[in-house]
Amino acid sequence: MFGGGEQRLSKEEIEAGEIEAQQTVRFAVATGILLYLSPFAVDFVKKFL
């Protein structure tokens, strides 16, 4: 009622959004893996110091 009409996105904008979403998910997964492995890396380095 107060929002106005629907906003149509172009094909290029939809594809750009999908690419950005994929990159965000990949970054989040990689960050999670690195955070999971970081304590093991710290222990590994401490053994050599």
Protein backbone atom coordinates (compact mmCIF):
# COMPACT_ATOMS: atom_id res chain seq x y z
CA MET A 1 0.00 0.00 0.00
CA PHE A 2 2.64 2.55 0.99
CA GLY A 3 5.69 0.81 -0.51
CA GLY A 4 5.03 1.70 -4.10
CA GLY A 5 5.32 -0.67 -7.02
CA GLU A 6 7.47 -3.74 -7.37
CA GLN A 7 11.07 -3.14 -8.23
CA ARG A 8 12.27 -5.29 -11.11
CA LEU A 9 15.92 -6.30 -11.21
CA SER A 10 17.71 -6.76 -14.47
CA LYS A 11 19.30 -10.07 -15.40
CA GLU A 12 22.75 -8.57 -14.81
CA GLU A 13 21.80 -7.38 -11.32
CA ILE A 14 20.43 -10.81 -10.42
CA GLU A 15 23.60 -12.53 -11.66
CA ALA A 16 25.78 -10.04 -9.76
CA GLY A 17 23.79 -10.73 -6.60
CA GLU A 18 24.16 -14.49 -7.05
CA ILE A 19 27.93 -14.15 -7.52
CA GLU A 20 28.20 -11.98 -4.43
CA ALA A 21 26.15 -14.49 -2.42
CA GLN A 22 28.37 -17.37 -3.56
CA GLN A 23 31.50 -15.45 -2.60
CA THR A 24 30.03 -14.62 0.80
CA VAL A 25 29.19 -18.27 1.48
CA ARG A 26 32.66 -19.41 0.37
CA PHE A 27 34.30 -16.79 2.60
CA ALA A 28 32.15 -17.82 5.57
CA VAL A 29 32.98 -21.51 5.08
CA ALA A 30 36.70 -20.78 4.69
CA THR A 31 36.65 -18.59 7.80
CA GLY A 32 34.91 -21.32 9.76
CA ILE A 33 37.48 -23.89 8.68
CA LEU A 34 40.37 -21.58 9.57
CA LEU A 35 38.88 -20.83 12.98
CA TYR A 36 38.41 -24.55 13.60
CA LEU A 37 42.02 -25.32 12.65
CA SER A 38 43.63 -22.33 14.37
CA PRO A 39 44.10 -24.00 17.81
CA PHE A 40 45.89 -26.90 16.14
CA ALA A 41 48.14 -24.48 14.26
CA VAL A 42 48.98 -22.62 17.48
CA ASP A 43 49.87 -25.89 19.25
CA PHE A 44 51.98 -26.95 16.28
CA VAL A 45 53.94 -23.67 16.36
CA LYS A 46 54.37 -23.83 20.14
CA LYS A 47 56.07 -27.22 19.82
CA PHE A 48 58.83 -25.64 17.73
CA LEU A 49 59.41 -22.64 20.00
